[in-house]
Amino acid sequence: MSDHIDHAVENMLSALETYHDDGNTFRFDDTLISLRATLAGDAVYIMKIWTESEARGDGSATDALNTLCGIADGVGATLCLEVEPFDGGGLTEDQLLEWYWRFGFRGDSTEMIRAPLVADD
């Protein structure tokens, strides 16, 4: 794993200022996000975004992903994920694809990538 990836993940962890139980899993209120650094390229791979069933639809996951995207932008990290709906409720694959597109992710269900946004000077 490159130093750049380690540094990006470390900066993201520091910026989150939230609960993490294993160094790579974060809780934003009722939403759980699990991250790992990829070995292919300078990217942070989102393993899971999961919201407690009673909190689904209240914007918790949107708030959490907005926060995560903002932190990734701040440290220059690319975010990657695969779209895999959970059994037992939640969004369908098509709904998830549309949701991630709103955050700037591009690709298909097998791999979506979001390059860090650069602020205009």
PDB file of N, CA and C in Angstrom:
ATOM      1  N   MET A   1       0.854  -1.180   0.000  1.00  0.00           N
ATOM      2  CA  MET A   1       0.000   0.000   0.000  1.00  0.00           C
ATOM      3  C   MET A   1       0.894   1.235   0.000  1.00  0.00           C
ATOM      4  N   SER A   2       0.575   2.175  -0.833  1.00  0.00           N
ATOM      5  CA  SER A   2       1.439   3.353  -0.955  1.00  0.00           C
ATOM      6  C   SER A   2       1.272   4.292   0.231  1.00  0.00           C
ATOM      7  N   ASP A   3       2.287   5.107   0.443  1.00  0.00           N
ATOM      8  CA  ASP A   3       2.212   6.098   1.517  1.00  0.00           C
ATOM      9  C   ASP A   3       1.081   7.076   1.274  1.00  0.00           C
ATOM     10  N   HIS A   4       0.828   7.406  -0.013  1.00  0.00           N
ATOM     11  CA  HIS A   4      -0.258   8.338  -0.327  1.00  0.00           C
ATOM     12  C   HIS A   4      -1.605   7.793   0.147  1.00  0.00           C
ATOM     13  N   ILE A   5      -1.851   6.501  -0.086  1.00  0.00           N
ATOM     14  CA  ILE A   5      -3.108   5.902   0.360  1.00  0.00           C
ATOM     15  C   ILE A   5      -3.182   5.933   1.877  1.00  0.00           C
ATOM     16  N   ASP A   6      -2.112   5.489   2.531  1.00  0.00           N
ATOM     17  CA  ASP A   6      -2.097   5.511   3.993  1.00  0.00           C
ATOM     18  C   ASP A   6      -2.368   6.917   4.510  1.00  0.00           C
ATOM     19  N   HIS A   7      -1.731   7.908   3.895  1.00  0.00           N
ATOM     20  CA  HIS A   7      -1.888   9.286   4.335  1.00  0.00           C
ATOM     21  C   HIS A   7      -3.322   9.766   4.118  1.00  0.00           C
ATOM     22  N   ALA A   8      -3.909   9.447   2.972  1.00  0.00           N
ATOM     23  CA  ALA A   8      -5.289   9.857   2.695  1.00  0.00           C
ATOM     24  C   ALA A   8      -6.245   9.224   3.684  1.00  0.00           C
ATOM     25  N   VAL A   9      -6.087   7.925   3.935  1.00  0.00           N
ATOM     26  CA  VAL A   9      -6.967   7.250   4.890  1.00  0.00           C
ATOM     27  C   VAL A   9      -6.764   7.816   6.285  1.00  0.00           C
ATOM     28  N   GLU A  10      -5.517   8.034   6.679  1.00  0.00           N
ATOM     29  CA  GLU A  10      -5.224   8.608   7.999  1.00  0.00           C
ATOM     30  C   GLU A  10      -5.867   9.989   8.140  1.00  0.00           C
ATOM     31  N   ASN A  11      -5.751  10.811   7.111  1.00  0.00           N
ATOM     32  CA  ASN A  11      -6.372  12.131   7.161  1.00  0.00           C
ATOM     33  C   ASN A  11      -7.889  12.032   7.232  1.00  0.00           C
ATOM     34  N   MET A  12      -8.453  11.072   6.495  1.00  0.00           N
ATOM     35  CA  MET A  12      -9.901  10.897   6.541  1.00  0.00           C
ATOM     36  C   MET A  12     -10.327  10.448   7.931  1.00  0.00           C
ATOM     37  N   LEU A  13      -9.575   9.533   8.514  1.00  0.00           N
ATOM     38  CA  LEU A  13      -9.905   9.050   9.858  1.00  0.00           C
ATOM     39  C   LEU A  13      -9.856  10.201  10.857  1.00  0.00           C
ATOM     40  N   SER A  14      -8.830  11.004  10.772  1.00  0.00           N
ATOM     41  CA  SER A  14      -8.684  12.128  11.690  1.00  0.00           C
ATOM     42  C   SER A  14      -9.808  13.138  11.509  1.00  0.00           C
ATOM     43  N   ALA A  15     -10.180  13.397  10.262  1.00  0.00           N
ATOM     44  CA  ALA A  15     -11.195  14.399   9.978  1.00  0.00           C
ATOM     45  C   ALA A  15     -12.590  13.948  10.367  1.00  0.00           C
ATOM     46  N   LEU A  16     -12.819  12.655  10.431  1.00  0.00           N
ATOM     47  CA  LEU A  16     -14.163  12.167  10.722  1.00  0.00           C
ATOM     48  C   LEU A  16     -14.618  12.534  12.136  1.00  0.00           C
ATOM     49  N   GLU A  17     -13.680  12.533  13.082  1.00  0.00           N
ATOM     50  CA  GLU A  17     -14.003  12.868  14.474  1.00  0.00           C
ATOM     51  C   GLU A  17     -15.280  12.172  14.921  1.00  0.00           C
ATOM     52  N   THR A  18     -15.354  10.887  14.683  1.00  0.00           N
ATOM     53  CA  THR A  18     -16.544  10.123  15.027  1.00  0.00           C
ATOM     54  C   THR A  18     -16.119   8.742  15.514  1.00  0.00           C
ATOM     55  N   TYR A  19     -17.051   7.980  15.944  1.00  0.00           N
ATOM     56  CA  TYR A  19     -16.781   6.649  16.456  1.00  0.00           C
ATOM     57  C   TYR A  19     -16.204   5.756  15.371  1.00  0.00           C
ATOM     58  N   HIS A  20     -15.141   5.046  15.698  1.00  0.00           N
ATOM     59  CA  HIS A  20     -14.663   3.979  14.824  1.00  0.00           C
ATOM     60  C   HIS A  20     -14.193   2.844  15.712  1.00  0.00           C
ATOM     61  N   ASP A  21     -14.622   1.627  15.380  1.00  0.00           N
ATOM     62  CA  ASP A  21     -14.317   0.513  16.262  1.00  0.00           C
ATOM     63  C   ASP A  21     -13.128  -0.327  15.815  1.00  0.00           C
ATOM     64  N   ASP A  22     -12.724  -0.252  14.564  1.00  0.00           N
ATOM     65  CA  ASP A  22     -11.581  -1.043  14.144  1.00  0.00           C
ATOM     66  C   ASP A  22     -10.590  -0.234  13.321  1.00  0.00           C
ATOM     67  N   GLY A  23     -10.736   1.075  13.348  1.00  0.00           N
ATOM     68  CA  GLY A  23      -9.841   1.920  12.595  1.00  0.00           C
ATOM     69  C   GLY A  23     -10.313   2.210  11.190  1.00  0.00           C
ATOM     70  N   ASN A  24     -11.259   1.432  10.684  1.00  0.00           N
ATOM     71  CA  ASN A  24     -11.749   1.649   9.327  1.00  0.00           C
ATOM     72  C   ASN A  24     -13.272   1.668   9.236  1.00  0.00           C
ATOM     73  N   THR A  25     -13.958   1.576  10.355  1.00  0.00           N
ATOM     74  CA  THR A  25     -15.420   1.582  10.352  1.00  0.00           C
ATOM     75  C   THR A  25     -15.897   2.774  11.155  1.00  0.00           C
ATOM     76  N   PHE A  26     -16.824   3.525  10.582  1.00  0.00           N
ATOM     77  CA  PHE A  26     -17.278   4.765  11.186  1.00  0.00           C
ATOM     78  C   PHE A  26     -18.781   4.769  11.321  1.00  0.00           C
ATOM     79  N   ARG A  27     -19.249   5.389  12.355  1.00  0.00           N
ATOM     80  CA  ARG A  27     -20.678   5.518  12.545  1.00  0.00           C
ATOM     81  C   ARG A  27     -21.031   6.997  12.534  1.00  0.00           C
ATOM     82  N   PHE A  28     -21.947   7.349  11.641  1.00  0.00           N
ATOM     83  CA  PHE A  28     -22.518   8.685  11.596  1.00  0.00           C
ATOM     84  C   PHE A  28     -23.958   8.525  12.062  1.00  0.00           C
ATOM     85  N   ASP A  29     -24.228   8.825  13.297  1.00  0.00           N
ATOM     86  CA  ASP A  29     -25.565   8.631  13.844  1.00  0.00           C
ATOM     87  C   ASP A  29     -26.022   7.193  13.586  1.00  0.00           C
ATOM     88  N   ASP A  30     -27.005   7.000  12.706  1.00  0.00           N
ATOM     89  CA  ASP A  30     -27.524   5.657  12.459  1.00  0.00           C
ATOM     90  C   ASP A  30     -26.974   5.017  11.195  1.00  0.00           C
ATOM     91  N   THR A  31     -25.907   5.578  10.635  1.00  0.00           N
ATOM     92  CA  THR A  31     -25.339   5.048   9.396  1.00  0.00           C
ATOM     93  C   THR A  31     -23.926   4.546   9.655  1.00  0.00           C
ATOM     94  N   LEU A  32     -23.655   3.350   9.161  1.00  0.00           N
ATOM     95  CA  LEU A  32     -22.349   2.726   9.312  1.00  0.00           C
ATOM     96  C   LEU A  32     -21.638   2.770   7.964  1.00  0.00           C
ATOM     97  N   ILE A  33     -20.387   3.222   7.960  1.00  0.00           N
ATOM     98  CA  ILE A  33     -19.582   3.230   6.743  1.00  0.00           C
ATOM     99  C   ILE A  33     -18.290   2.492   7.047  1.00  0.00           C
ATOM    100  N   SER A  34     -17.956   1.531   6.197  1.00  0.00           N
ATOM    101  CA  SER A  34     -16.733   0.771   6.358  1.00  0.00           C
ATOM    102  C   SER A  34     -15.823   1.078   5.179  1.00  0.00           C
ATOM    103  N   LEU A  35     -14.575   1.427   5.462  1.00  0.00           N
ATOM    104  CA  LEU A  35     -13.606   1.806   4.437  1.00  0.00           C
ATOM    105  C   LEU A  35     -12.415   0.879   4.468  1.00  0.00           C
ATOM    106  N   ARG A  36     -11.775   0.733   3.308  1.00  0.00           N
ATOM    107  CA  ARG A  36     -10.449   0.135   3.282  1.00  0.00           C
ATOM    108  C   ARG A  36      -9.685   0.770   2.137  1.00  0.00           C
ATOM    109  N   ALA A  37      -8.394   0.830   2.265  1.00  0.00           N
ATOM    110  CA  ALA A  37      -7.567   1.381   1.193  1.00  0.00           C
ATOM    111  C   ALA A  37      -7.339   0.305   0.149  1.00  0.00           C
ATOM    112  N   THR A  38      -7.449   0.664  -1.113  1.00  0.00           N
ATOM    113  CA  THR A  38      -7.203  -0.299  -2.173  1.00  0.00           C
ATOM    114  C   THR A  38      -5.715  -0.464  -2.397  1.00  0.00           C
ATOM    115  N   LEU A  39      -5.349  -1.559  -2.976  1.00  0.00           N
ATOM    116  CA  LEU A  39      -3.957  -1.793  -3.351  1.00  0.00           C
ATOM    117  C   LEU A  39      -3.712  -1.364  -4.786  1.00  0.00           C
ATOM    118  N   ALA A  40      -4.778  -1.058  -5.519  1.00  0.00           N
ATOM    119  CA  ALA A  40      -4.643  -0.675  -6.932  1.00  0.00           C
ATOM    120  C   ALA A  40      -4.959   0.801  -7.078  1.00  0.00           C
ATOM    121  N   GLY A  41      -3.947   1.600  -7.142  1.00  0.00           N
ATOM    122  CA  GLY A  41      -4.149   3.034  -7.318  1.00  0.00           C
ATOM    123  C   GLY A  41      -4.308   3.753  -5.998  1.00  0.00           C
ATOM    124  N   ASP A  42      -4.346   5.061  -6.089  1.00  0.00           N
ATOM    125  CA  ASP A  42      -4.489   5.889  -4.890  1.00  0.00           C
ATOM    126  C   ASP A  42      -5.965   6.153  -4.641  1.00  0.00           C
ATOM    127  N   ALA A  43      -6.629   5.199  -4.025  1.00  0.00           N
ATOM    128  CA  ALA A  43      -8.067   5.308  -3.806  1.00  0.00           C
ATOM    129  C   ALA A  43      -8.438   4.739  -2.456  1.00  0.00           C
ATOM    130  N   VAL A  44      -9.574   5.192  -1.958  1.00  0.00           N
ATOM    131  CA  VAL A  44     -10.164   4.649  -0.744  1.00  0.00           C
ATOM    132  C   VAL A  44     -11.415   3.907  -1.181  1.00  0.00           C
ATOM    133  N   TYR A  45     -11.508   2.658  -0.795  1.00  0.00           N
ATOM    134  CA  TYR A  45     -12.615   1.810  -1.202  1.00  0.00           C
ATOM    135  C   TYR A  45     -13.672   1.799  -0.100  1.00  0.00           C
ATOM    136  N   ILE A  46     -14.892   2.156  -0.440  1.00  0.00           N
ATOM    137  CA  ILE A  46     -16.001   2.100   0.519  1.00  0.00           C
ATOM    138  C   ILE A  46     -16.554   0.684   0.473  1.00  0.00           C
ATOM    139  N   MET A  47     -16.404  -0.027   1.560  1.00  0.00           N
ATOM    140  CA  MET A  47     -16.858  -1.411   1.623  1.00  0.00           C
ATOM    141  C   MET A  47     -18.363  -1.498   1.893  1.00  0.00           C
ATOM    142  N   LYS A  48     -18.861  -0.599   2.740  1.00  0.00           N
ATOM    143  CA  LYS A  48     -20.263  -0.721   3.119  1.00  0.00           C
ATOM    144  C   LYS A  48     -20.784   0.627   3.585  1.00  0.00           C
ATOM    145  N   ILE A  49     -21.984   0.952   3.158  1.00  0.00           N
ATOM    146  CA  ILE A  49     -22.753   2.048   3.739  1.00  0.00           C
ATOM    147  C   ILE A  49     -24.074   1.420   4.136  1.00  0.00           C
ATOM    148  N   TRP A  50     -24.337   1.403   5.399  1.00  0.00           N
ATOM    149  CA  TRP A  50     -25.496   0.696   5.912  1.00  0.00           C
ATOM    150  C   TRP A  50     -26.194   1.555   6.961  1.00  0.00           C
ATOM    151  N   THR A  51     -27.501   1.659   6.848  1.00  0.00           N
ATOM    152  CA  THR A  51     -28.284   2.460   7.780  1.00  0.00           C
ATOM    153  C   THR A  51     -29.225   1.550   8.558  1.00  0.00           C
ATOM    154  N   GLU A  52     -29.317   1.791   9.859  1.00  0.00           N
ATOM    155  CA  GLU A  52     -30.257   1.037  10.690  1.00  0.00           C
ATOM    156  C   GLU A  52     -31.644   1.128  10.070  1.00  0.00           C
ATOM    157  N   SER A  53     -32.404   0.029  10.085  1.00  0.00           N
ATOM    158  CA  SER A  53     -33.690  -0.017   9.384  1.00  0.00           C
ATOM    159  C   SER A  53     -34.654   1.072   9.840  1.00  0.00           C
ATOM    160  N   GLU A  54     -34.670   1.382  11.124  1.00  0.00           N
ATOM    161  CA  GLU A  54     -35.602   2.404  11.623  1.00  0.00           C
ATOM    162  C   GLU A  54     -35.219   3.821  11.200  1.00  0.00           C
ATOM    163  N   ALA A  55     -33.989   3.991  10.715  1.00  0.00           N
ATOM    164  CA  ALA A  55     -33.531   5.325  10.301  1.00  0.00           C
ATOM    165  C   ALA A  55     -33.484   5.480   8.783  1.00  0.00           C
ATOM    166  N   ARG A  56     -33.835   4.440   8.048  1.00  0.00           N
ATOM    167  CA  ARG A  56     -33.778   4.529   6.579  1.00  0.00           C
ATOM    168  C   ARG A  56     -34.767   5.568   6.079  1.00  0.00           C
ATOM    169  N   GLY A  57     -34.307   6.355   5.128  1.00  0.00           N
ATOM    170  CA  GLY A  57     -35.166   7.378   4.544  1.00  0.00           C
ATOM    171  C   GLY A  57     -35.121   8.713   5.261  1.00  0.00           C
ATOM    172  N   ASP A  58     -34.340   8.814   6.335  1.00  0.00           N
ATOM    173  CA  ASP A  58     -34.297  10.083   7.083  1.00  0.00           C
ATOM    174  C   ASP A  58     -33.125  10.978   6.686  1.00  0.00           C
ATOM    175  N   GLY A  59     -32.346  10.552   5.687  1.00  0.00           N
ATOM    176  CA  GLY A  59     -31.226  11.365   5.226  1.00  0.00           C
ATOM    177  C   GLY A  59     -29.910  11.072   5.910  1.00  0.00           C
ATOM    178  N   SER A  60     -29.875  10.100   6.824  1.00  0.00           N
ATOM    179  CA  SER A  60     -28.636   9.793   7.548  1.00  0.00           C
ATOM    180  C   SER A  60     -27.519   9.355   6.619  1.00  0.00           C
ATOM    181  N   ALA A  61     -27.812   8.455   5.683  1.00  0.00           N
ATOM    182  CA  ALA A  61     -26.777   7.975   4.765  1.00  0.00           C
ATOM    183  C   ALA A  61     -26.318   9.098   3.836  1.00  0.00           C
ATOM    184  N   THR A  62     -27.243   9.936   3.409  1.00  0.00           N
ATOM    185  CA  THR A  62     -26.885  11.079   2.561  1.00  0.00           C
ATOM    186  C   THR A  62     -25.951  12.015   3.309  1.00  0.00           C
ATOM    187  N   ASP A  63     -26.280  12.320   4.556  1.00  0.00           N
ATOM    188  CA  ASP A  63     -25.414  13.172   5.367  1.00  0.00           C
ATOM    189  C   ASP A  63     -24.029  12.547   5.541  1.00  0.00           C
ATOM    190  N   ALA A  64     -24.012  11.236   5.806  1.00  0.00           N
ATOM    191  CA  ALA A  64     -22.740  10.548   6.019  1.00  0.00           C
ATOM    192  C   ALA A  64     -21.895  10.555   4.750  1.00  0.00           C
ATOM    193  N   LEU A  65     -22.510  10.271   3.602  1.00  0.00           N
ATOM    194  CA  LEU A  65     -21.738  10.241   2.362  1.00  0.00           C
ATOM    195  C   LEU A  65     -21.306  11.643   1.947  1.00  0.00           C
ATOM    196  N   ASN A  66     -22.138  12.649   2.200  1.00  0.00           N
ATOM    197  CA  ASN A  66     -21.718  14.039   1.949  1.00  0.00           C
ATOM    198  C   ASN A  66     -20.479  14.379   2.766  1.00  0.00           C
ATOM    199  N   THR A  67     -20.487  13.984   4.037  1.00  0.00           N
ATOM    200  CA  THR A  67     -19.338  14.238   4.909  1.00  0.00           C
ATOM    201  C   THR A  67     -18.108  13.519   4.387  1.00  0.00           C
ATOM    202  N   LEU A  68     -18.273  12.247   4.039  1.00  0.00           N
ATOM    203  CA  LEU A  68     -17.150  11.456   3.554  1.00  0.00           C
ATOM    204  C   LEU A  68     -16.590  12.026   2.248  1.00  0.00           C
ATOM    205  N   CYS A  69     -17.462  12.427   1.333  1.00  0.00           N
ATOM    206  CA  CYS A  69     -17.010  13.018   0.067  1.00  0.00           C
ATOM    207  C   CYS A  69     -16.268  14.330   0.318  1.00  0.00           C
ATOM    208  N   GLY A  70     -16.757  15.132   1.241  1.00  0.00           N
ATOM    209  CA  GLY A  70     -16.084  16.384   1.572  1.00  0.00           C
ATOM    210  C   GLY A  70     -14.696  16.159   2.131  1.00  0.00           C
ATOM    211  N   ILE A  71     -14.571  15.157   2.988  1.00  0.00           N
ATOM    212  CA  ILE A  71     -13.263  14.829   3.562  1.00  0.00           C
ATOM    213  C   ILE A  71     -12.337  14.308   2.467  1.00  0.00           C
ATOM    214  N   ALA A  72     -12.856  13.425   1.599  1.00  0.00           N
ATOM    215  CA  ALA A  72     -12.043  12.900   0.499  1.00  0.00           C
ATOM    216  C   ALA A  72     -11.563  14.031  -0.403  1.00  0.00           C
ATOM    217  N   ASP A  73     -12.453  14.986  -0.681  1.00  0.00           N
ATOM    218  CA  ASP A  73     -12.051  16.140  -1.495  1.00  0.00           C
ATOM    219  C   ASP A  73     -10.935  16.910  -0.802  1.00  0.00           C
ATOM    220  N   GLY A  74     -11.060  17.091   0.495  1.00  0.00           N
ATOM    221  CA  GLY A  74     -10.078  17.861   1.244  1.00  0.00           C
ATOM    222  C   GLY A  74      -8.697  17.238   1.277  1.00  0.00           C
ATOM    223  N   VAL A  75      -8.638  15.903   1.225  1.00  0.00           N
ATOM    224  CA  VAL A  75      -7.337  15.227   1.265  1.00  0.00           C
ATOM    225  C   VAL A  75      -6.926  14.698  -0.107  1.00  0.00           C
ATOM    226  N   GLY A  76      -7.747  14.963  -1.121  1.00  0.00           N
ATOM    227  CA  GLY A  76      -7.409  14.546  -2.483  1.00  0.00           C
ATOM    228  C   GLY A  76      -7.536  13.061  -2.725  1.00  0.00           C
ATOM    229  N   ALA A  77      -8.472  12.405  -2.048  1.00  0.00           N
ATOM    230  CA  ALA A  77      -8.627  10.957  -2.193  1.00  0.00           C
ATOM    231  C   ALA A  77      -9.751  10.614  -3.166  1.00  0.00           C
ATOM    232  N   THR A  78      -9.490   9.640  -4.019  1.00  0.00           N
ATOM    233  CA  THR A  78     -10.506   9.078  -4.900  1.00  0.00           C
ATOM    234  C   THR A  78     -11.281   8.036  -4.106  1.00  0.00           C
ATOM    235  N   LEU A  79     -12.596   8.023  -4.272  1.00  0.00           N
ATOM    236  CA  LEU A  79     -13.442   7.037  -3.603  1.00  0.00           C
ATOM    237  C   LEU A  79     -13.930   6.025  -4.628  1.00  0.00           C
ATOM    238  N   CYS A  80     -13.968   4.755  -4.234  1.00  0.00           N
ATOM    239  CA  CYS A  80     -14.451   3.672  -5.090  1.00  0.00           C
ATOM    240  C   CYS A  80     -15.426   2.806  -4.303  1.00  0.00           C
ATOM    241  N   LEU A  81     -16.345   2.182  -5.031  1.00  0.00           N
ATOM    242  CA  LEU A  81     -17.276   1.262  -4.392  1.00  0.00           C
ATOM    243  C   LEU A  81     -17.920   0.369  -5.434  1.00  0.00           C
ATOM    244  N   GLU A  82     -18.512  -0.721  -4.968  1.00  0.00           N
ATOM    245  CA  GLU A  82     -19.363  -1.574  -5.778  1.00  0.00           C
ATOM    246  C   GLU A  82     -20.773  -1.408  -5.244  1.00  0.00           C
ATOM    247  N   VAL A  83     -21.747  -1.454  -6.123  1.00  0.00           N
ATOM    248  CA  VAL A  83     -23.141  -1.315  -5.714  1.00  0.00           C
ATOM    249  C   VAL A  83     -23.697  -2.705  -5.443  1.00  0.00           C
ATOM    250  N   GLU A  84     -24.010  -2.967  -4.188  1.00  0.00           N
ATOM    251  CA  GLU A  84     -24.568  -4.249  -3.779  1.00  0.00           C
ATOM    252  C   GLU A  84     -25.685  -3.987  -2.781  1.00  0.00           C
ATOM    253  N   PRO A  85     -26.950  -4.054  -3.236  1.00  0.00           N
ATOM    254  CA  PRO A  85     -28.060  -3.842  -2.313  1.00  0.00           C
ATOM    255  C   PRO A  85     -28.055  -4.905  -1.214  1.00  0.00           C
ATOM    256  N   PHE A  86     -28.486  -4.499  -0.026  1.00  0.00           N
ATOM    257  CA  PHE A  86     -28.583  -5.437   1.092  1.00  0.00           C
ATOM    258  C   PHE A  86     -29.913  -6.154   1.045  1.00  0.00           C
ATOM    259  N   ASP A  87     -29.912  -7.402   1.485  1.00  0.00           N
ATOM    260  CA  ASP A  87     -31.167  -8.125   1.637  1.00  0.00           C
ATOM    261  C   ASP A  87     -31.923  -7.532   2.806  1.00  0.00           C
ATOM    262  N   GLY A  88     -33.225  -7.621   2.760  1.00  0.00           N
ATOM    263  CA  GLY A  88     -34.014  -7.171   3.905  1.00  0.00           C
ATOM    264  C   GLY A  88     -34.342  -5.692   3.891  1.00  0.00           C
ATOM    265  N   GLY A  89     -34.481  -5.105   2.731  1.00  0.00           N
ATOM    266  CA  GLY A  89     -34.875  -3.701   2.675  1.00  0.00           C
ATOM    267  C   GLY A  89     -33.782  -2.821   2.135  1.00  0.00           C
ATOM    268  N   GLY A  90     -34.096  -1.575   2.038  1.00  0.00           N
ATOM    269  CA  GLY A  90     -33.142  -0.629   1.490  1.00  0.00           C
ATOM    270  C   GLY A  90     -33.407  -0.402   0.020  1.00  0.00           C
ATOM    271  N   LEU A  91     -32.496   0.300  -0.625  1.00  0.00           N
ATOM    272  CA  LEU A  91     -32.647   0.672  -2.022  1.00  0.00           C
ATOM    273  C   LEU A  91     -32.297  -0.489  -2.956  1.00  0.00           C
ATOM    274  N   THR A  92     -32.918  -0.481  -4.128  1.00  0.00           N
ATOM    275  CA  THR A  92     -32.584  -1.451  -5.161  1.00  0.00           C
ATOM    276  C   THR A  92     -31.265  -1.054  -5.814  1.00  0.00           C
ATOM    277  N   GLU A  93     -30.729  -1.912  -6.665  1.00  0.00           N
ATOM    278  CA  GLU A  93     -29.487  -1.597  -7.355  1.00  0.00           C
ATOM    279  C   GLU A  93     -29.634  -0.335  -8.201  1.00  0.00           C
ATOM    280  N   ASP A  94     -30.727  -0.219  -8.948  1.00  0.00           N
ATOM    281  CA  ASP A  94     -30.936   0.976  -9.775  1.00  0.00           C
ATOM    282  C   ASP A  94     -31.060   2.239  -8.929  1.00  0.00           C
ATOM    283  N   GLN A  95     -31.754   2.140  -7.805  1.00  0.00           N
ATOM    284  CA  GLN A  95     -31.889   3.288  -6.912  1.00  0.00           C
ATOM    285  C   GLN A  95     -30.537   3.679  -6.323  1.00  0.00           C
ATOM    286  N   LEU A  96     -29.729   2.692  -5.967  1.00  0.00           N
ATOM    287  CA  LEU A  96     -28.392   2.973  -5.431  1.00  0.00           C
ATOM    288  C   LEU A  96     -27.502   3.624  -6.478  1.00  0.00           C
ATOM    289  N   LEU A  97     -27.537   3.108  -7.706  1.00  0.00           N
ATOM    290  CA  LEU A  97     -26.746   3.720  -8.778  1.00  0.00           C
ATOM    291  C   LEU A  97     -27.112   5.190  -8.933  1.00  0.00           C
ATOM    292  N   GLU A  98     -28.381   5.479  -8.958  1.00  0.00           N
ATOM    293  CA  GLU A  98     -28.843   6.868  -9.091  1.00  0.00           C
ATOM    294  C   GLU A  98     -28.398   7.708  -7.903  1.00  0.00           C
ATOM    295  N   TRP A  99     -28.477   7.133  -6.705  1.00  0.00           N
ATOM    296  CA  TRP A  99     -28.078   7.846  -5.487  1.00  0.00           C
ATOM    297  C   TRP A  99     -26.584   8.201  -5.537  1.00  0.00           C
ATOM    298  N   TYR A 100     -25.738   7.240  -5.890  1.00  0.00           N
ATOM    299  CA  TYR A 100     -24.299   7.506  -5.960  1.00  0.00           C
ATOM    300  C   TYR A 100     -23.958   8.502  -7.056  1.00  0.00           C
ATOM    301  N   TRP A 101     -24.685   8.468  -8.168  1.00  0.00           N
ATOM    302  CA  TRP A 101     -24.456   9.442  -9.236  1.00  0.00           C
ATOM    303  C   TRP A 101     -24.637  10.860  -8.713  1.00  0.00           C
ATOM    304  N   ARG A 102     -25.587  11.077  -7.809  1.00  0.00           N
ATOM    305  CA  ARG A 102     -25.816  12.416  -7.253  1.00  0.00           C
ATOM    306  C   ARG A 102     -24.602  12.934  -6.487  1.00  0.00           C
ATOM    307  N   PHE A 103     -23.749  12.031  -6.013  1.00  0.00           N
ATOM    308  CA  PHE A 103     -22.554  12.423  -5.261  1.00  0.00           C
ATOM    309  C   PHE A 103     -21.325  12.549  -6.152  1.00  0.00           C
ATOM    310  N   GLY A 104     -21.485  12.304  -7.444  1.00  0.00           N
ATOM    311  CA  GLY A 104     -20.363  12.424  -8.361  1.00  0.00           C
ATOM    312  C   GLY A 104     -19.671  11.126  -8.704  1.00  0.00           C
ATOM    313  N   PHE A 105     -20.189   9.986  -8.235  1.00  0.00           N
ATOM    314  CA  PHE A 105     -19.620   8.700  -8.606  1.00  0.00           C
ATOM    315  C   PHE A 105     -20.004   8.405 -10.047  1.00  0.00           C
ATOM    316  N   ARG A 106     -19.100   7.764 -10.776  1.00  0.00           N
ATOM    317  CA  ARG A 106     -19.365   7.386 -12.153  1.00  0.00           C
ATOM    318  C   ARG A 106     -18.956   5.940 -12.347  1.00  0.00           C
ATOM    319  N   GLY A 107     -19.648   5.271 -13.248  1.00  0.00           N
ATOM    320  CA  GLY A 107     -19.363   3.872 -13.514  1.00  0.00           C
ATOM    321  C   GLY A 107     -20.641   3.068 -13.482  1.00  0.00           C
ATOM    322  N   ASP A 108     -20.496   1.773 -13.220  1.00  0.00           N
ATOM    323  CA  ASP A 108     -21.664   0.915 -13.135  1.00  0.00           C
ATOM    324  C   ASP A 108     -21.633   0.167 -11.809  1.00  0.00           C
ATOM    325  N   SER A 109     -22.522  -0.796 -11.640  1.00  0.00           N
ATOM    326  CA  SER A 109     -22.641  -1.464 -10.346  1.00  0.00           C
ATOM    327  C   SER A 109     -21.395  -2.251  -9.962  1.00  0.00           C
ATOM    328  N   THR A 110     -20.567  -2.633 -10.926  1.00  0.00           N
ATOM    329  CA  THR A 110     -19.365  -3.395 -10.598  1.00  0.00           C
ATOM    330  C   THR A 110     -18.241  -2.528 -10.066  1.00  0.00           C
ATOM    331  N   GLU A 111     -18.212  -1.248 -10.483  1.00  0.00           N
ATOM    332  CA  GLU A 111     -17.240  -0.317  -9.920  1.00  0.00           C
ATOM    333  C   GLU A 111     -17.657   1.119 -10.220  1.00  0.00           C
ATOM    334  N   MET A 112     -17.842   1.865  -9.154  1.00  0.00           N
ATOM    335  CA  MET A 112     -18.121   3.290  -9.273  1.00  0.00           C
ATOM    336  C   MET A 112     -16.939   4.036  -8.673  1.00  0.00           C
ATOM    337  N   ILE A 113     -16.543   5.102  -9.327  1.00  0.00           N
ATOM    338  CA  ILE A 113     -15.381   5.877  -8.902  1.00  0.00           C
ATOM    339  C   ILE A 113     -15.784   7.346  -8.798  1.00  0.00           C
ATOM    340  N   ARG A 114     -15.274   7.998  -7.758  1.00  0.00           N
ATOM    341  CA  ARG A 114     -15.494   9.424  -7.570  1.00  0.00           C
ATOM    342  C   ARG A 114     -14.147  10.088  -7.353  1.00  0.00           C
ATOM    343  N   ALA A 115     -13.720  10.855  -8.332  1.00  0.00           N
ATOM    344  CA  ALA A 115     -12.479  11.613  -8.199  1.00  0.00           C
ATOM    345  C   ALA A 115     -12.718  12.781  -7.252  1.00  0.00           C
ATOM    346  N   PRO A 116     -11.693  13.207  -6.520  1.00  0.00           N
ATOM    347  CA  PRO A 116     -11.866  14.337  -5.616  1.00  0.00           C
ATOM    348  C   PRO A 116     -12.200  15.601  -6.399  1.00  0.00           C
ATOM    349  N   LEU A 117     -13.128  16.365  -5.894  1.00  0.00           N
ATOM    350  CA  LEU A 117     -13.481  17.635  -6.515  1.00  0.00           C
ATOM    351  C   LEU A 117     -12.450  18.664  -6.123  1.00  0.00           C
ATOM    352  N   VAL A 118     -12.100  19.500  -7.076  1.00  0.00           N
ATOM    353  CA  VAL A 118     -11.132  20.567  -6.839  1.00  0.00           C
ATOM    354  C   VAL A 118     -11.887  21.887  -6.816  1.00  0.00           C
ATOM    355  N   ALA A 119     -11.705  22.641  -5.758  1.00  0.00           N
ATOM    356  CA  ALA A 119     -12.381  23.945  -5.634  1.00  0.00           C
ATOM    357  C   ALA A 119     -11.810  24.911  -6.662  1.00  0.00           C
ATOM    358  N   ASP A 120     -12.690  25.729  -7.205  1.00  0.00           N
ATOM    359  CA  ASP A 120     -12.242  26.772  -8.129  1.00  0.00           C
ATOM    360  C   ASP A 120     -11.472  27.835  -7.360  1.00  0.00           C
ATOM    361  N   ASP A 121     -10.368  28.280  -7.929  1.00  0.00           N
ATOM    362  CA  ASP A 121      -9.559  29.326  -7.260  1.00  0.00           C
ATOM    363  C   ASP A 121     -10.114  30.695  -7.531  1.00  0.00           C
TER     364      ASP A 121
END
